[in-house]
Amino acid sequence: MRNNYDRIANYYDTLSRLVFFKSQVNAQINQLHHVPQNSKVLIVGGGTGWILEELTKVHHTGLKIVYVEISAKMIALSQKRNYGGNQVGFINLGIEDFNADTAFDVVLTPFLFDNFAEQRASKVFMQLNAYLKQGGLWFLVDFSLNKNNGKWWKWLLLKSMYSFFKLLHIVEADDLIDMDPYFLQADYEILEEHLYYGGFIRATIFKK
């Protein structure tokens, strides 16, 4: 199954921290204070679910969270997390197969689009854009190789990562898709942006 991390679910966080230390974590948790109280939140590709515990530190109750994750093992790990008085609905599907029956105030896509080939990335963007309310916030955290910070070691590290995941038949992507044009064409504005790990990881909050 494409873009499914079942094979390394139990080791994913450890592997991530061995390579990136806490950069991937910090890039996500530093955004969370922007999540409004009592909001409806869609998390896509949340992995092992530690983000739920970090959200609970910001809002112990009042959030209505839909957690979409294609990996059944990741879902199982996420369900064991402490998410306080917040409501969490776990959906074990690829995002392309998920249909929302409500609009969301916040969408979180941590390291999601680096899994996709361009055609799928475009489709998923349009799908999530339709689910986000006007004025809603989209928290995008992913790798970055733009012209301002595309040093050789970042390119080499990214290629090594893709080779590793291809060997395990996990991801479909061969290259990193630049998502900025999608947000610009949809008239999003950037509220906040920070770089981590020497600029290789970028955390952006877009407002619709």
C-alpha atoms as a PDB file:
ATOM      1  CA  MET A   1       0.000   0.000   0.000  1.00  0.00           C
ATOM      2  CA  ARG A   2       1.416   3.384  -1.027  1.00  0.00           C
ATOM      3  CA  ASN A   3       2.595   5.879   1.600  1.00  0.00           C
ATOM      4  CA  ASN A   4       1.907   3.468   4.450  1.00  0.00           C
ATOM      5  CA  TYR A   5       4.386   3.317   7.325  1.00  0.00           C
ATOM      6  CA  ASP A   6       3.131   0.109   8.954  1.00  0.00           C
ATOM      7  CA  ARG A   7       6.505  -1.572   8.486  1.00  0.00           C
ATOM      8  CA  ILE A   8       8.353   0.948  10.639  1.00  0.00           C
ATOM      9  CA  ALA A   9       5.556   2.300  12.844  1.00  0.00           C
ATOM     10  CA  ASN A  10       7.155   1.085  16.069  1.00  0.00           C
ATOM     11  CA  TYR A  11      10.508   2.624  15.165  1.00  0.00           C
ATOM     12  CA  TYR A  12       9.484   5.727  13.249  1.00  0.00           C
ATOM     13  CA  ASP A  13       9.857   8.268  16.058  1.00  0.00           C
ATOM     14  CA  THR A  14      13.228   6.840  17.085  1.00  0.00           C
ATOM     15  CA  LEU A  15      14.524   6.924  13.504  1.00  0.00           C
ATOM     16  CA  SER A  16      13.287  10.461  13.073  1.00  0.00           C
ATOM     17  CA  ARG A  17      15.025  11.698  16.191  1.00  0.00           C
ATOM     18  CA  LEU A  18      18.269   9.914  15.317  1.00  0.00           C
ATOM     19  CA  VAL A  19      18.476  11.912  12.088  1.00  0.00           C
ATOM     20  CA  PHE A  20      16.724  15.185  12.908  1.00  0.00           C
ATOM     21  CA  PHE A  21      16.983  15.244  16.715  1.00  0.00           C
ATOM     22  CA  LYS A  22      13.904  17.252  17.828  1.00  0.00           C
ATOM     23  CA  SER A  23      13.648  19.461  14.754  1.00  0.00           C
ATOM     24  CA  GLN A  24      10.644  17.619  13.315  1.00  0.00           C
ATOM     25  CA  VAL A  25       8.928  17.758  16.700  1.00  0.00           C
ATOM     26  CA  ASN A  26       9.669  21.417  17.359  1.00  0.00           C
ATOM     27  CA  ALA A  27       8.526  22.429  13.889  1.00  0.00           C
ATOM     28  CA  GLN A  28       5.091  21.066  14.744  1.00  0.00           C
ATOM     29  CA  ILE A  29       4.610  21.942  18.409  1.00  0.00           C
ATOM     30  CA  ASN A  30       5.757  25.548  17.999  1.00  0.00           C
ATOM     31  CA  GLN A  31       2.690  26.170  15.823  1.00  0.00           C
ATOM     32  CA  LEU A  32       0.094  24.728  18.136  1.00  0.00           C
ATOM     33  CA  HIS A  33      -0.596  27.812  20.231  1.00  0.00           C
ATOM     34  CA  HIS A  34      -2.300  29.217  17.109  1.00  0.00           C
ATOM     35  CA  VAL A  35      -5.018  26.546  17.275  1.00  0.00           C
ATOM     36  CA  PRO A  36      -8.198  28.341  18.420  1.00  0.00           C
ATOM     37  CA  GLN A  37     -10.183  27.097  21.398  1.00  0.00           C
ATOM     38  CA  ASN A  38     -13.139  24.817  20.677  1.00  0.00           C
ATOM     39  CA  SER A  39     -12.112  24.383  17.059  1.00  0.00           C
ATOM     40  CA  LYS A  40     -12.602  21.498  14.680  1.00  0.00           C
ATOM     41  CA  VAL A  41      -9.217  20.108  13.700  1.00  0.00           C
ATOM     42  CA  LEU A  42      -8.276  17.732  10.895  1.00  0.00           C
ATOM     43  CA  ILE A  43      -4.916  15.974  11.275  1.00  0.00           C
ATOM     44  CA  VAL A  44      -3.712  14.089   8.211  1.00  0.00           C
ATOM     45  CA  GLY A  45      -0.803  11.688   8.545  1.00  0.00           C
ATOM     46  CA  GLY A  46      -0.214  12.262  12.236  1.00  0.00           C
ATOM     47  CA  GLY A  47       1.972   9.187  12.654  1.00  0.00           C
ATOM     48  CA  THR A  48       2.261   7.751  16.160  1.00  0.00           C
ATOM     49  CA  GLY A  49      -0.013  10.400  17.626  1.00  0.00           C
ATOM     50  CA  TRP A  50       2.346  12.301  19.909  1.00  0.00           C
ATOM     51  CA  ILE A  51       0.918  15.487  18.390  1.00  0.00           C
ATOM     52  CA  LEU A  52      -2.354  14.737  20.204  1.00  0.00           C
ATOM     53  CA  GLU A  53      -0.615  14.981  23.565  1.00  0.00           C
ATOM     54  CA  GLU A  54       1.014  18.250  22.553  1.00  0.00           C
ATOM     55  CA  LEU A  55      -2.340  19.655  21.455  1.00  0.00           C
ATOM     56  CA  THR A  56      -3.759  18.658  24.839  1.00  0.00           C
ATOM     57  CA  LYS A  57      -1.100  20.748  26.555  1.00  0.00           C
ATOM     58  CA  VAL A  58      -2.478  23.764  24.667  1.00  0.00           C
ATOM     59  CA  HIS A  59      -6.193  22.911  24.933  1.00  0.00           C
ATOM     60  CA  HIS A  60      -7.036  20.241  27.503  1.00  0.00           C
ATOM     61  CA  THR A  61     -10.625  20.117  26.329  1.00  0.00           C
ATOM     62  CA  GLY A  62     -12.960  21.545  23.718  1.00  0.00           C
ATOM     63  CA  LEU A  63     -11.280  20.403  20.507  1.00  0.00           C
ATOM     64  CA  LYS A  64     -13.038  18.137  18.034  1.00  0.00           C
ATOM     65  CA  ILE A  65     -10.283  16.294  16.192  1.00  0.00           C
ATOM     66  CA  VAL A  66     -10.488  13.996  13.184  1.00  0.00           C
ATOM     67  CA  TYR A  67      -7.301  11.959  12.862  1.00  0.00           C
ATOM     68  CA  VAL A  68      -6.788  10.439   9.414  1.00  0.00           C
ATOM     69  CA  GLU A  69      -3.907   7.991   9.075  1.00  0.00           C
ATOM     70  CA  ILE A  70      -3.393   5.258   6.479  1.00  0.00           C
ATOM     71  CA  SER A  71      -1.239   3.071   8.756  1.00  0.00           C
ATOM     72  CA  ALA A  72      -3.264   0.802  11.041  1.00  0.00           C
ATOM     73  CA  LYS A  73      -0.268   0.404  13.340  1.00  0.00           C
ATOM     74  CA  MET A  74       0.134   4.168  13.627  1.00  0.00           C
ATOM     75  CA  ILE A  75      -3.564   4.451  14.473  1.00  0.00           C
ATOM     76  CA  ALA A  76      -3.188   1.811  17.195  1.00  0.00           C
ATOM     77  CA  LEU A  77      -0.280   3.735  18.733  1.00  0.00           C
ATOM     78  CA  SER A  78      -2.170   7.025  18.473  1.00  0.00           C
ATOM     79  CA  GLN A  79      -5.223   5.655  20.267  1.00  0.00           C
ATOM     80  CA  LYS A  80      -3.072   5.025  23.346  1.00  0.00           C
ATOM     81  CA  ARG A  81      -2.142   8.704  23.664  1.00  0.00           C
ATOM     82  CA  ASN A  82      -3.513  11.037  26.304  1.00  0.00           C
ATOM     83  CA  TYR A  83      -5.705  13.599  24.551  1.00  0.00           C
ATOM     84  CA  GLY A  84      -7.485  14.855  27.678  1.00  0.00           C
ATOM     85  CA  GLY A  85     -11.069  15.978  27.278  1.00  0.00           C
ATOM     86  CA  ASN A  86     -10.764  16.564  23.554  1.00  0.00           C
ATOM     87  CA  GLN A  87     -12.854  14.461  21.192  1.00  0.00           C
ATOM     88  CA  VAL A  88     -10.809  12.426  18.721  1.00  0.00           C
ATOM     89  CA  GLY A  89     -12.194  10.341  15.899  1.00  0.00           C
ATOM     90  CA  PHE A  90      -9.631   7.971  14.385  1.00  0.00           C
ATOM     91  CA  ILE A  91     -10.003   7.190  10.683  1.00  0.00           C
ATOM     92  CA  ASN A  92      -7.781   4.450   9.235  1.00  0.00           C
ATOM     93  CA  LEU A  93      -7.781   5.522   5.591  1.00  0.00           C
ATOM     94  CA  GLY A  94      -5.612   7.214   3.046  1.00  0.00           C
ATOM     95  CA  ILE A  95      -6.670  10.831   2.822  1.00  0.00           C
ATOM     96  CA  GLU A  96      -7.835  10.328  -0.788  1.00  0.00           C
ATOM     97  CA  ASP A  97     -10.485   7.877   0.465  1.00  0.00           C
ATOM     98  CA  PHE A  98     -11.686  10.106   3.315  1.00  0.00           C
ATOM     99  CA  ASN A  99     -14.860  12.158   2.948  1.00  0.00           C
ATOM    100  CA  ALA A 100     -15.539  14.904   5.466  1.00  0.00           C
ATOM    101  CA  ASP A 101     -19.103  15.628   6.556  1.00  0.00           C
ATOM    102  CA  THR A 102     -18.097  18.876   8.246  1.00  0.00           C
ATOM    103  CA  ALA A 103     -15.841  21.859   7.615  1.00  0.00           C
ATOM    104  CA  PHE A 104     -12.722  22.366   9.732  1.00  0.00           C
ATOM    105  CA  ASP A 105     -11.214  25.398  11.425  1.00  0.00           C
ATOM    106  CA  VAL A 106      -7.694  23.951  11.286  1.00  0.00           C
ATOM    107  CA  VAL A 107      -5.916  21.438   9.042  1.00  0.00           C
ATOM    108  CA  LEU A 108      -2.573  19.907  10.058  1.00  0.00           C
ATOM    109  CA  THR A 109      -0.459  18.128   7.435  1.00  0.00           C
ATOM    110  CA  PRO A 110       2.859  17.211   9.097  1.00  0.00           C
ATOM    111  CA  PHE A 111       5.296  15.767   6.555  1.00  0.00           C
ATOM    112  CA  LEU A 112       2.439  14.636   4.342  1.00  0.00           C
ATOM    113  CA  PHE A 113       3.121  16.000   0.883  1.00  0.00           C
ATOM    114  CA  ASP A 114       6.704  14.708   0.706  1.00  0.00           C
ATOM    115  CA  ASN A 115       5.140  11.246   0.259  1.00  0.00           C
ATOM    116  CA  PHE A 116       3.227  12.099  -2.895  1.00  0.00           C
ATOM    117  CA  ALA A 117       3.953  12.290  -6.584  1.00  0.00           C
ATOM    118  CA  GLU A 118       2.764  15.576  -8.065  1.00  0.00           C
ATOM    119  CA  GLN A 119      -0.592  14.387  -9.391  1.00  0.00           C
ATOM    120  CA  ARG A 120      -1.595  12.993  -6.005  1.00  0.00           C
ATOM    121  CA  ALA A 121      -0.255  16.044  -4.170  1.00  0.00           C
ATOM    122  CA  SER A 122      -2.448  18.279  -6.325  1.00  0.00           C
ATOM    123  CA  LYS A 123      -5.509  16.127  -5.709  1.00  0.00           C
ATOM    124  CA  VAL A 124      -4.976  16.021  -1.947  1.00  0.00           C
ATOM    125  CA  PHE A 125      -4.415  19.776  -1.775  1.00  0.00           C
ATOM    126  CA  MET A 126      -7.713  20.487  -3.544  1.00  0.00           C
ATOM    127  CA  GLN A 127      -9.491  17.992  -1.308  1.00  0.00           C
ATOM    128  CA  LEU A 128      -8.174  19.511   1.926  1.00  0.00           C
ATOM    129  CA  ASN A 129      -8.731  23.034   0.668  1.00  0.00           C
ATOM    130  CA  ALA A 130     -12.402  22.171   0.221  1.00  0.00           C
ATOM    131  CA  TYR A 131     -12.586  20.885   3.813  1.00  0.00           C
ATOM    132  CA  LEU A 132     -11.098  24.034   5.384  1.00  0.00           C
ATOM    133  CA  LYS A 133     -13.399  26.909   6.325  1.00  0.00           C
ATOM    134  CA  GLN A 134     -12.842  30.357   4.894  1.00  0.00           C
ATOM    135  CA  GLY A 135     -10.548  32.084   7.363  1.00  0.00           C
ATOM    136  CA  GLY A 136      -9.316  28.725   8.621  1.00  0.00           C
ATOM    137  CA  LEU A 137      -5.689  27.847   9.304  1.00  0.00           C
ATOM    138  CA  TRP A 138      -3.554  25.266   7.502  1.00  0.00           C
ATOM    139  CA  PHE A 139      -0.423  24.155   9.363  1.00  0.00           C
ATOM    140  CA  LEU A 140       2.049  22.865   6.798  1.00  0.00           C
ATOM    141  CA  VAL A 141       5.270  21.261   8.020  1.00  0.00           C
ATOM    142  CA  ASP A 142       7.546  19.601   5.501  1.00  0.00           C
ATOM    143  CA  PHE A 143      11.013  19.449   4.019  1.00  0.00           C
ATOM    144  CA  SER A 144      12.199  22.371   1.925  1.00  0.00           C
ATOM    145  CA  LEU A 145      14.695  22.646  -0.931  1.00  0.00           C
ATOM    146  CA  ASN A 146      13.909  26.107  -2.264  1.00  0.00           C
ATOM    147  CA  LYS A 147      16.530  28.243  -3.968  1.00  0.00           C
ATOM    148  CA  ASN A 148      17.342  30.107  -0.756  1.00  0.00           C
ATOM    149  CA  ASN A 149      18.332  27.058   1.272  1.00  0.00           C
ATOM    150  CA  GLY A 150      18.904  24.221  -1.183  1.00  0.00           C
ATOM    151  CA  LYS A 151      22.432  23.315  -0.138  1.00  0.00           C
ATOM    152  CA  TRP A 152      24.029  20.138  -1.431  1.00  0.00           C
ATOM    153  CA  TRP A 153      23.772  18.247   1.878  1.00  0.00           C
ATOM    154  CA  LYS A 154      20.000  18.769   2.004  1.00  0.00           C
ATOM    155  CA  TRP A 155      19.613  17.414  -1.503  1.00  0.00           C
ATOM    156  CA  LEU A 156      21.804  14.439  -0.623  1.00  0.00           C
ATOM    157  CA  LEU A 157      19.919  13.755   2.614  1.00  0.00           C
ATOM    158  CA  LEU A 158      16.562  13.948   0.857  1.00  0.00           C
ATOM    159  CA  LYS A 159      17.690  11.543  -1.861  1.00  0.00           C
ATOM    160  CA  SER A 160      18.977   9.145   0.800  1.00  0.00           C
ATOM    161  CA  MET A 161      15.627   9.276   2.598  1.00  0.00           C
ATOM    162  CA  TYR A 162      13.689   8.560  -0.575  1.00  0.00           C
ATOM    163  CA  SER A 163      16.018   5.680  -1.423  1.00  0.00           C
ATOM    164  CA  PHE A 164      15.506   4.180   2.040  1.00  0.00           C
ATOM    165  CA  PHE A 165      11.723   4.422   1.875  1.00  0.00           C
ATOM    166  CA  LYS A 166      11.659   3.159  -1.703  1.00  0.00           C
ATOM    167  CA  LEU A 167      13.652   0.127  -0.599  1.00  0.00           C
ATOM    168  CA  LEU A 168      10.928  -0.608   1.949  1.00  0.00           C
ATOM    169  CA  HIS A 169       8.190   0.089  -0.631  1.00  0.00           C
ATOM    170  CA  ILE A 170       6.719   2.815   1.561  1.00  0.00           C
ATOM    171  CA  VAL A 171       6.510   6.034  -0.443  1.00  0.00           C
ATOM    172  CA  GLU A 172       5.569   6.724  -4.046  1.00  0.00           C
ATOM    173  CA  ALA A 173       7.452  10.015  -4.436  1.00  0.00           C
ATOM    174  CA  ASP A 174      10.851  10.419  -6.062  1.00  0.00           C
ATOM    175  CA  ASP A 175      11.145  14.173  -5.630  1.00  0.00           C
ATOM    176  CA  LEU A 176       9.924  16.832  -3.244  1.00  0.00           C
ATOM    177  CA  ILE A 177       6.929  18.792  -4.526  1.00  0.00           C
ATOM    178  CA  ASP A 178       6.941  22.554  -4.001  1.00  0.00           C
ATOM    179  CA  MET A 179       3.513  23.229  -2.501  1.00  0.00           C
ATOM    180  CA  ASP A 180       3.819  27.018  -2.353  1.00  0.00           C
ATOM    181  CA  PRO A 181       2.241  27.599  -5.801  1.00  0.00           C
ATOM    182  CA  TYR A 182      -0.872  25.693  -4.742  1.00  0.00           C
ATOM    183  CA  PHE A 183      -1.390  27.904  -1.709  1.00  0.00           C
ATOM    184  CA  LEU A 184      -0.632  31.082  -3.650  1.00  0.00           C
ATOM    185  CA  GLN A 185      -3.075  30.211  -6.427  1.00  0.00           C
ATOM    186  CA  ALA A 186      -5.760  29.521  -3.816  1.00  0.00           C
ATOM    187  CA  ASP A 187      -5.171  32.978  -2.255  1.00  0.00           C
ATOM    188  CA  TYR A 188      -3.820  31.807   1.082  1.00  0.00           C
ATOM    189  CA  GLU A 189      -1.770  34.236   3.127  1.00  0.00           C
ATOM    190  CA  ILE A 190       1.219  33.306   5.277  1.00  0.00           C
ATOM    191  CA  LEU A 191       0.659  34.139   8.937  1.00  0.00           C
ATOM    192  CA  GLU A 192       3.886  32.677  10.281  1.00  0.00           C
ATOM    193  CA  GLU A 193       6.876  30.743   9.001  1.00  0.00           C
ATOM    194  CA  HIS A 194       9.933  29.234  10.676  1.00  0.00           C
ATOM    195  CA  LEU A 195      12.848  27.132   9.476  1.00  0.00           C
ATOM    196  CA  TYR A 196      14.497  24.270  11.367  1.00  0.00           C
ATOM    197  CA  TYR A 197      17.466  21.948  10.888  1.00  0.00           C
ATOM    198  CA  GLY A 198      19.458  24.451   8.892  1.00  0.00           C
ATOM    199  CA  GLY A 199      16.438  25.381   6.782  1.00  0.00           C
ATOM    200  CA  PHE A 200      15.741  21.809   5.655  1.00  0.00           C
ATOM    201  CA  ILE A 201      12.457  21.729   7.592  1.00  0.00           C
ATOM    202  CA  ARG A 202       9.921  24.500   7.114  1.00  0.00           C
ATOM    203  CA  ALA A 203       6.842  25.171   9.247  1.00  0.00           C
ATOM    204  CA  THR A 204       4.274  27.520   7.737  1.00  0.00           C
ATOM    205  CA  ILE A 205       0.851  28.625   8.915  1.00  0.00           C
ATOM    206  CA  PHE A 206      -1.412  29.598   6.021  1.00  0.00           C
ATOM    207  CA  LYS A 207      -4.713  31.414   6.430  1.00  0.00           C
ATOM    208  CA  LYS A 208      -7.440  30.736   3.889  1.00  0.00           C
END
